Amino acid sequence: MKTSRLDYRDKVAVITGAGSGIGRALAHALADRGCHLALADIHAANLAATAANLRASGVRCSTHVLDVASREQVAALPR
């Protein structure tokens, strides 16, 4: 049985931990599928590096420095 892949083109994904590791890998994988990204991480420098790399390949992304352990910061993210 053939499995179909979801269509991520022109969708937006919010990815926490996007500055490194699995979060960064997920950001690149979704970007490769045409997804736009809202990237979040507690480490501003790592987050900026991930975003710069993705933007260089033509992906639209916003960056948000935040600590996911803070309810207030997470609640403010959609704004």
PDB file of N, CA and C in Angstrom:
ATOM      1  N   MET A   1       0.834  -1.168   0.000  1.00  0.00           N
ATOM      2  CA  MET A   1       0.000   0.000   0.000  1.00  0.00           C
ATOM      3  C   MET A   1       0.886   1.240   0.000  1.00  0.00           C
ATOM      4  N   LYS A   2       0.576   2.196  -0.847  1.00  0.00           N
ATOM      5  CA  LYS A   2       1.345   3.429  -0.937  1.00  0.00           C
ATOM      6  C   LYS A   2       0.820   4.427   0.092  1.00  0.00           C
ATOM      7  N   THR A   3       1.745   5.027   0.821  1.00  0.00           N
ATOM      8  CA  THR A   3       1.382   6.025   1.813  1.00  0.00           C
ATOM      9  C   THR A   3       1.521   7.400   1.192  1.00  0.00           C
ATOM     10  N   SER A   4       0.503   8.240   1.332  1.00  0.00           N
ATOM     11  CA  SER A   4       0.589   9.590   0.788  1.00  0.00           C
ATOM     12  C   SER A   4       1.191  10.519   1.838  1.00  0.00           C
ATOM     13  N   ARG A   5       1.973  11.478   1.365  1.00  0.00           N
ATOM     14  CA  ARG A   5       2.561  12.469   2.259  1.00  0.00           C
ATOM     15  C   ARG A   5       1.618  13.649   2.377  1.00  0.00           C
ATOM     16  N   LEU A   6       1.593  14.232   3.526  1.00  0.00           N
ATOM     17  CA  LEU A   6       0.771  15.419   3.720  1.00  0.00           C
ATOM     18  C   LEU A   6       1.350  16.579   2.922  1.00  0.00           C
ATOM     19  N   ASP A   7       0.488  17.454   2.461  1.00  0.00           N
ATOM     20  CA  ASP A   7       0.905  18.613   1.695  1.00  0.00           C
ATOM     21  C   ASP A   7       1.129  19.787   2.648  1.00  0.00           C
ATOM     22  N   TYR A   8       2.373  20.203   2.803  1.00  0.00           N
ATOM     23  CA  TYR A   8       2.721  21.288   3.713  1.00  0.00           C
ATOM     24  C   TYR A   8       2.943  22.610   2.981  1.00  0.00           C
ATOM     25  N   ARG A   9       2.813  22.620   1.665  1.00  0.00           N
ATOM     26  CA  ARG A   9       3.049  23.840   0.898  1.00  0.00           C
ATOM     27  C   ARG A   9       2.137  24.965   1.365  1.00  0.00           C
ATOM     28  N   ASP A  10       2.763  26.103   1.644  1.00  0.00           N
ATOM     29  CA  ASP A  10       2.072  27.324   2.057  1.00  0.00           C
ATOM     30  C   ASP A  10       1.311  27.204   3.373  1.00  0.00           C
ATOM     31  N   LYS A  11       1.600  26.191   4.152  1.00  0.00           N
ATOM     32  CA  LYS A  11       1.075  26.088   5.509  1.00  0.00           C
ATOM     33  C   LYS A  11       2.102  26.739   6.435  1.00  0.00           C
ATOM     34  N   VAL A  12       1.743  26.967   7.685  1.00  0.00           N
ATOM     35  CA  VAL A  12       2.667  27.520   8.673  1.00  0.00           C
ATOM     36  C   VAL A  12       2.750  26.569   9.848  1.00  0.00           C
ATOM     37  N   ALA A  13       3.974  26.250  10.248  1.00  0.00           N
ATOM     38  CA  ALA A  13       4.195  25.396  11.412  1.00  0.00           C
ATOM     39  C   ALA A  13       4.936  26.195  12.475  1.00  0.00           C
ATOM     40  N   VAL A  14       4.558  25.985  13.727  1.00  0.00           N
ATOM     41  CA  VAL A  14       5.272  26.565  14.860  1.00  0.00           C
ATOM     42  C   VAL A  14       6.170  25.470  15.412  1.00  0.00           C
ATOM     43  N   ILE A  15       7.466  25.758  15.513  1.00  0.00           N
ATOM     44  CA  ILE A  15       8.424  24.756  15.978  1.00  0.00           C
ATOM     45  C   ILE A  15       9.189  25.326  17.166  1.00  0.00           C
ATOM     46  N   THR A  16       9.060  24.673  18.307  1.00  0.00           N
ATOM     47  CA  THR A  16       9.842  25.063  19.478  1.00  0.00           C
ATOM     48  C   THR A  16      11.142  24.263  19.474  1.00  0.00           C
ATOM     49  N   GLY A  17      12.159  24.823  20.075  1.00  0.00           N
ATOM     50  CA  GLY A  17      13.462  24.159  20.068  1.00  0.00           C
ATOM     51  C   GLY A  17      14.108  24.182  18.702  1.00  0.00           C
ATOM     52  N   ALA A  18      13.755  25.190  17.896  1.00  0.00           N
ATOM     53  CA  ALA A  18      14.217  25.247  16.499  1.00  0.00           C
ATOM     54  C   ALA A  18      15.682  25.629  16.362  1.00  0.00           C
ATOM     55  N   GLY A  19      16.333  26.013  17.448  1.00  0.00           N
ATOM     56  CA  GLY A  19      17.725  26.438  17.374  1.00  0.00           C
ATOM     57  C   GLY A  19      18.722  25.306  17.247  1.00  0.00           C
ATOM     58  N   SER A  20      18.295  24.072  17.536  1.00  0.00           N
ATOM     59  CA  SER A  20      19.232  22.954  17.474  1.00  0.00           C
ATOM     60  C   SER A  20      18.482  21.626  17.476  1.00  0.00           C
ATOM     61  N   GLY A  21      19.228  20.578  17.271  1.00  0.00           N
ATOM     62  CA  GLY A  21      18.714  19.215  17.412  1.00  0.00           C
ATOM     63  C   GLY A  21      17.500  18.883  16.571  1.00  0.00           C
ATOM     64  N   ILE A  22      16.558  18.198  17.204  1.00  0.00           N
ATOM     65  CA  ILE A  22      15.351  17.736  16.504  1.00  0.00           C
ATOM     66  C   ILE A  22      14.533  18.915  15.987  1.00  0.00           C
ATOM     67  N   GLY A  23      14.438  19.992  16.754  1.00  0.00           N
ATOM     68  CA  GLY A  23      13.681  21.165  16.308  1.00  0.00           C
ATOM     69  C   GLY A  23      14.244  21.749  15.032  1.00  0.00           C
ATOM     70  N   ARG A  24      15.574  21.867  14.967  1.00  0.00           N
ATOM     71  CA  ARG A  24      16.218  22.396  13.759  1.00  0.00           C
ATOM     72  C   ARG A  24      16.007  21.441  12.585  1.00  0.00           C
ATOM     73  N   ALA A  25      16.160  20.152  12.830  1.00  0.00           N
ATOM     74  CA  ALA A  25      15.972  19.163  11.763  1.00  0.00           C
ATOM     75  C   ALA A  25      14.540  19.186  11.246  1.00  0.00           C
ATOM     76  N   LEU A  26      13.578  19.316  12.149  1.00  0.00           N
ATOM     77  CA  LEU A  26      12.176  19.389  11.742  1.00  0.00           C
ATOM     78  C   LEU A  26      11.923  20.646  10.917  1.00  0.00           C
ATOM     79  N   ALA A  27      12.503  21.762  11.330  1.00  0.00           N
ATOM     80  CA  ALA A  27      12.345  23.008  10.570  1.00  0.00           C
ATOM     81  C   ALA A  27      12.843  22.835   9.135  1.00  0.00           C
ATOM     82  N   HIS A  28      13.995  22.223   8.972  1.00  0.00           N
ATOM     83  CA  HIS A  28      14.540  22.006   7.627  1.00  0.00           C
ATOM     84  C   HIS A  28      13.676  21.025   6.829  1.00  0.00           C
ATOM     85  N   ALA A  29      13.196  19.983   7.478  1.00  0.00           N
ATOM     86  CA  ALA A  29      12.359  19.000   6.774  1.00  0.00           C
ATOM     87  C   ALA A  29      11.056  19.625   6.292  1.00  0.00           C
ATOM     88  N   LEU A  30      10.420  20.433   7.134  1.00  0.00           N
ATOM     89  CA  LEU A  30       9.177  21.087   6.727  1.00  0.00           C
ATOM     90  C   LEU A  30       9.433  22.146   5.662  1.00  0.00           C
ATOM     91  N   ALA A  31      10.522  22.872   5.796  1.00  0.00           N
ATOM     92  CA  ALA A  31      10.871  23.875   4.795  1.00  0.00           C
ATOM     93  C   ALA A  31      11.089  23.223   3.434  1.00  0.00           C
ATOM     94  N   ASP A  32      11.718  22.061   3.429  1.00  0.00           N
ATOM     95  CA  ASP A  32      11.936  21.323   2.179  1.00  0.00           C
ATOM     96  C   ASP A  32      10.622  20.937   1.510  1.00  0.00           C
ATOM     97  N   ARG A  33       9.554  20.902   2.287  1.00  0.00           N
ATOM     98  CA  ARG A  33       8.231  20.547   1.762  1.00  0.00           C
ATOM     99  C   ARG A  33       7.369  21.782   1.490  1.00  0.00           C
ATOM    100  N   GLY A  34       7.992  22.979   1.565  1.00  0.00           N
ATOM    101  CA  GLY A  34       7.287  24.210   1.223  1.00  0.00           C
ATOM    102  C   GLY A  34       6.529  24.855   2.357  1.00  0.00           C
ATOM    103  N   CYS A  35       6.787  24.451   3.579  1.00  0.00           N
ATOM    104  CA  CYS A  35       6.095  24.990   4.744  1.00  0.00           C
ATOM    105  C   CYS A  35       6.785  26.269   5.208  1.00  0.00           C
ATOM    106  N   HIS A  36       5.998  27.267   5.600  1.00  0.00           N
ATOM    107  CA  HIS A  36       6.522  28.464   6.223  1.00  0.00           C
ATOM    108  C   HIS A  36       6.588  28.204   7.722  1.00  0.00           C
ATOM    109  N   LEU A  37       7.466  28.934   8.425  1.00  0.00           N
ATOM    110  CA  LEU A  37       7.765  28.555   9.799  1.00  0.00           C
ATOM    111  C   LEU A  37       7.745  29.715  10.773  1.00  0.00           C
ATOM    112  N   ALA A  38       7.251  29.437  11.971  1.00  0.00           N
ATOM    113  CA  ALA A  38       7.396  30.309  13.131  1.00  0.00           C
ATOM    114  C   ALA A  38       8.320  29.544  14.066  1.00  0.00           C
ATOM    115  N   LEU A  39       9.554  30.015  14.179  1.00  0.00           N
ATOM    116  CA  LEU A  39      10.583  29.299  14.924  1.00  0.00           C
ATOM    117  C   LEU A  39      10.744  29.891  16.312  1.00  0.00           C
ATOM    118  N   ALA A  40      10.824  29.033  17.324  1.00  0.00           N
ATOM    119  CA  ALA A  40      10.997  29.485  18.699  1.00  0.00           C
ATOM    120  C   ALA A  40      12.124  28.709  19.365  1.00  0.00           C
ATOM    121  N   ASP A  41      12.870  29.411  20.217  1.00  0.00           N
ATOM    122  CA  ASP A  41      13.929  28.769  20.987  1.00  0.00           C
ATOM    123  C   ASP A  41      14.331  29.718  22.106  1.00  0.00           C
ATOM    124  N   ILE A  42      14.907  29.172  23.140  1.00  0.00           N
ATOM    125  CA  ILE A  42      15.385  29.987  24.259  1.00  0.00           C
ATOM    126  C   ILE A  42      16.730  30.629  23.953  1.00  0.00           C
ATOM    127  N   HIS A  43      17.476  30.066  23.012  1.00  0.00           N
ATOM    128  CA  HIS A  43      18.812  30.554  22.656  1.00  0.00           C
ATOM    129  C   HIS A  43      18.745  31.386  21.375  1.00  0.00           C
ATOM    130  N   ALA A  44      18.837  32.699  21.535  1.00  0.00           N
ATOM    131  CA  ALA A  44      18.671  33.624  20.407  1.00  0.00           C
ATOM    132  C   ALA A  44      19.678  33.386  19.289  1.00  0.00           C
ATOM    133  N   ALA A  45      20.927  33.142  19.628  1.00  0.00           N
ATOM    134  CA  ALA A  45      21.963  32.976  18.593  1.00  0.00           C
ATOM    135  C   ALA A  45      21.709  31.728  17.757  1.00  0.00           C
ATOM    136  N   ASN A  46      21.364  30.634  18.394  1.00  0.00           N
ATOM    137  CA  ASN A  46      21.071  29.393  17.656  1.00  0.00           C
ATOM    138  C   ASN A  46      19.831  29.569  16.780  1.00  0.00           C
ATOM    139  N   LEU A  47      18.842  30.233  17.329  1.00  0.00           N
ATOM    140  CA  LEU A  47      17.609  30.486  16.587  1.00  0.00           C
ATOM    141  C   LEU A  47      17.890  31.331  15.354  1.00  0.00           C
ATOM    142  N   ALA A  48      18.692  32.373  15.520  1.00  0.00           N
ATOM    143  CA  ALA A  48      19.038  33.238  14.388  1.00  0.00           C
ATOM    144  C   ALA A  48      19.792  32.474  13.312  1.00  0.00           C
ATOM    145  N   ALA A  49      20.676  31.567  13.728  1.00  0.00           N
ATOM    146  CA  ALA A  49      21.433  30.780  12.751  1.00  0.00           C
ATOM    147  C   ALA A  49      20.521  29.857  11.952  1.00  0.00           C
ATOM    148  N   THR A  50      19.582  29.220  12.628  1.00  0.00           N
ATOM    149  CA  THR A  50      18.627  28.352  11.935  1.00  0.00           C
ATOM    150  C   THR A  50      17.806  29.164  10.939  1.00  0.00           C
ATOM    151  N   ALA A  51      17.294  30.306  11.386  1.00  0.00           N
ATOM    152  CA  ALA A  51      16.451  31.148  10.529  1.00  0.00           C
ATOM    153  C   ALA A  51      17.228  31.661   9.320  1.00  0.00           C
ATOM    154  N   ALA A  52      18.469  32.075   9.522  1.00  0.00           N
ATOM    155  CA  ALA A  52      19.278  32.589   8.414  1.00  0.00           C
ATOM    156  C   ALA A  52      19.491  31.518   7.360  1.00  0.00           C
ATOM    157  N   ASN A  53      19.763  30.314   7.805  1.00  0.00           N
ATOM    158  CA  ASN A  53      19.968  29.206   6.879  1.00  0.00           C
ATOM    159  C   ASN A  53      18.697  28.926   6.078  1.00  0.00           C
ATOM    160  N   LEU A  54      17.561  28.931   6.742  1.00  0.00           N
ATOM    161  CA  LEU A  54      16.291  28.661   6.061  1.00  0.00           C
ATOM    162  C   LEU A  54      15.915  29.792   5.114  1.00  0.00           C
ATOM    163  N   ARG A  55      16.106  31.015   5.548  1.00  0.00           N
ATOM    164  CA  ARG A  55      15.774  32.162   4.689  1.00  0.00           C
ATOM    165  C   ARG A  55      16.635  32.188   3.433  1.00  0.00           C
ATOM    166  N   ALA A  56      17.872  31.749   3.559  1.00  0.00           N
ATOM    167  CA  ALA A  56      18.770  31.702   2.401  1.00  0.00           C
ATOM    168  C   ALA A  56      18.241  30.753   1.340  1.00  0.00           C
ATOM    169  N   SER A  57      17.439  29.783   1.753  1.00  0.00           N
ATOM    170  CA  SER A  57      16.863  28.845   0.792  1.00  0.00           C
ATOM    171  C   SER A  57      15.471  29.284   0.337  1.00  0.00           C
ATOM    172  N   GLY A  58      15.043  30.495   0.746  1.00  0.00           N
ATOM    173  CA  GLY A  58      13.785  31.050   0.258  1.00  0.00           C
ATOM    174  C   GLY A  58      12.568  30.796   1.123  1.00  0.00           C
ATOM    175  N   VAL A  59      12.767  30.280   2.317  1.00  0.00           N
ATOM    176  CA  VAL A  59      11.640  29.979   3.202  1.00  0.00           C
ATOM    177  C   VAL A  59      11.297  31.214   4.040  1.00  0.00           C
ATOM    178  N   ARG A  60      10.019  31.482   4.189  1.00  0.00           N
ATOM    179  CA  ARG A  60       9.580  32.555   5.074  1.00  0.00           C
ATOM    180  C   ARG A  60       9.531  32.009   6.494  1.00  0.00           C
ATOM    181  N   CYS A  61      10.160  32.731   7.415  1.00  0.00           N
ATOM    182  CA  CYS A  61      10.072  32.301   8.812  1.00  0.00           C
ATOM    183  C   CYS A  61      10.200  33.497   9.733  1.00  0.00           C
ATOM    184  N   SER A  62       9.520  33.388  10.854  1.00  0.00           N
ATOM    185  CA  SER A  62       9.647  34.383  11.907  1.00  0.00           C
ATOM    186  C   SER A  62      10.368  33.721  13.070  1.00  0.00           C
ATOM    187  N   THR A  63      11.008  34.528  13.901  1.00  0.00           N
ATOM    188  CA  THR A  63      11.730  33.986  15.043  1.00  0.00           C
ATOM    189  C   THR A  63      11.168  34.562  16.332  1.00  0.00           C
ATOM    190  N   HIS A  64      11.156  33.732  17.360  1.00  0.00           N
ATOM    191  CA  HIS A  64      10.580  34.104  18.648  1.00  0.00           C
ATOM    192  C   HIS A  64      11.434  33.500  19.754  1.00  0.00           C
ATOM    193  N   VAL A  65      12.145  34.374  20.479  1.00  0.00           N
ATOM    194  CA  VAL A  65      12.951  33.893  21.596  1.00  0.00           C
ATOM    195  C   VAL A  65      12.008  33.728  22.783  1.00  0.00           C
ATOM    196  N   LEU A  66      11.896  32.491  23.242  1.00  0.00           N
ATOM    197  CA  LEU A  66      11.022  32.221  24.378  1.00  0.00           C
ATOM    198  C   LEU A  66      11.413  30.938  25.084  1.00  0.00           C
ATOM    199  N   ASP A  67      10.995  30.856  26.329  1.00  0.00           N
ATOM    200  CA  ASP A  67      11.208  29.677  27.157  1.00  0.00           C
ATOM    201  C   ASP A  67       9.871  28.955  27.260  1.00  0.00           C
ATOM    202  N   VAL A  68       9.774  27.761  26.726  1.00  0.00           N
ATOM    203  CA  VAL A  68       8.496  27.034  26.736  1.00  0.00           C
ATOM    204  C   VAL A  68       8.065  26.647  28.146  1.00  0.00           C
ATOM    205  N   ALA A  69       8.943  26.784  29.118  1.00  0.00           N
ATOM    206  CA  ALA A  69       8.561  26.530  30.509  1.00  0.00           C
ATOM    207  C   ALA A  69       7.784  27.705  31.098  1.00  0.00           C
ATOM    208  N   SER A  70       7.754  28.815  30.388  1.00  0.00           N
ATOM    209  CA  SER A  70       7.032  30.004  30.849  1.00  0.00           C
ATOM    210  C   SER A  70       5.667  30.073  30.166  1.00  0.00           C
ATOM    211  N   ARG A  71       4.633  29.880  30.947  1.00  0.00           N
ATOM    212  CA  ARG A  71       3.268  29.952  30.389  1.00  0.00           C
ATOM    213  C   ARG A  71       2.995  31.311  29.749  1.00  0.00           C
ATOM    214  N   GLU A  72       3.492  32.361  30.376  1.00  0.00           N
ATOM    215  CA  GLU A  72       3.254  33.709  29.865  1.00  0.00           C
ATOM    216  C   GLU A  72       3.895  33.899  28.492  1.00  0.00           C
ATOM    217  N   GLN A  73       5.124  33.430  28.338  1.00  0.00           N
ATOM    218  CA  GLN A  73       5.808  33.578  27.048  1.00  0.00           C
ATOM    219  C   GLN A  73       5.133  32.751  25.962  1.00  0.00           C
ATOM    220  N   VAL A  74       4.725  31.556  26.300  1.00  0.00           N
ATOM    221  CA  VAL A  74       4.044  30.704  25.315  1.00  0.00           C
ATOM    222  C   VAL A  74       2.693  31.301  24.941  1.00  0.00           C
ATOM    223  N   ALA A  75       1.968  31.822  25.923  1.00  0.00           N
ATOM    224  CA  ALA A  75       0.670  32.433  25.648  1.00  0.00           C
ATOM    225  C   ALA A  75       0.810  33.667  24.762  1.00  0.00           C
ATOM    226  N   ALA A  76       1.926  34.374  24.873  1.00  0.00           N
ATOM    227  CA  ALA A  76       2.140  35.580  24.072  1.00  0.00           C
ATOM    228  C   ALA A  76       2.575  35.276  22.646  1.00  0.00           C
ATOM    229  N   LEU A  77       2.999  34.077  22.373  1.00  0.00           N
ATOM    230  CA  LEU A  77       3.532  33.732  21.036  1.00  0.00           C
ATOM    231  C   LEU A  77       2.559  34.033  19.898  1.00  0.00           C
ATOM    232  N   PRO A  78       1.293  33.684  19.979  1.00  0.00           N
ATOM    233  CA  PRO A  78       0.397  33.968  18.838  1.00  0.00           C
ATOM    234  C   PRO A  78       0.280  35.450  18.512  1.00  0.00           C
ATOM    235  N   ARG A  79       0.472  36.288  19.490  1.00  0.00           N
ATOM    236  CA  ARG A  79       0.385  37.741  19.250  1.00  0.00           C
ATOM    237  C   ARG A  79       1.589  38.188  18.461  1.00  0.00           C
TER     238      ARG A  79
END
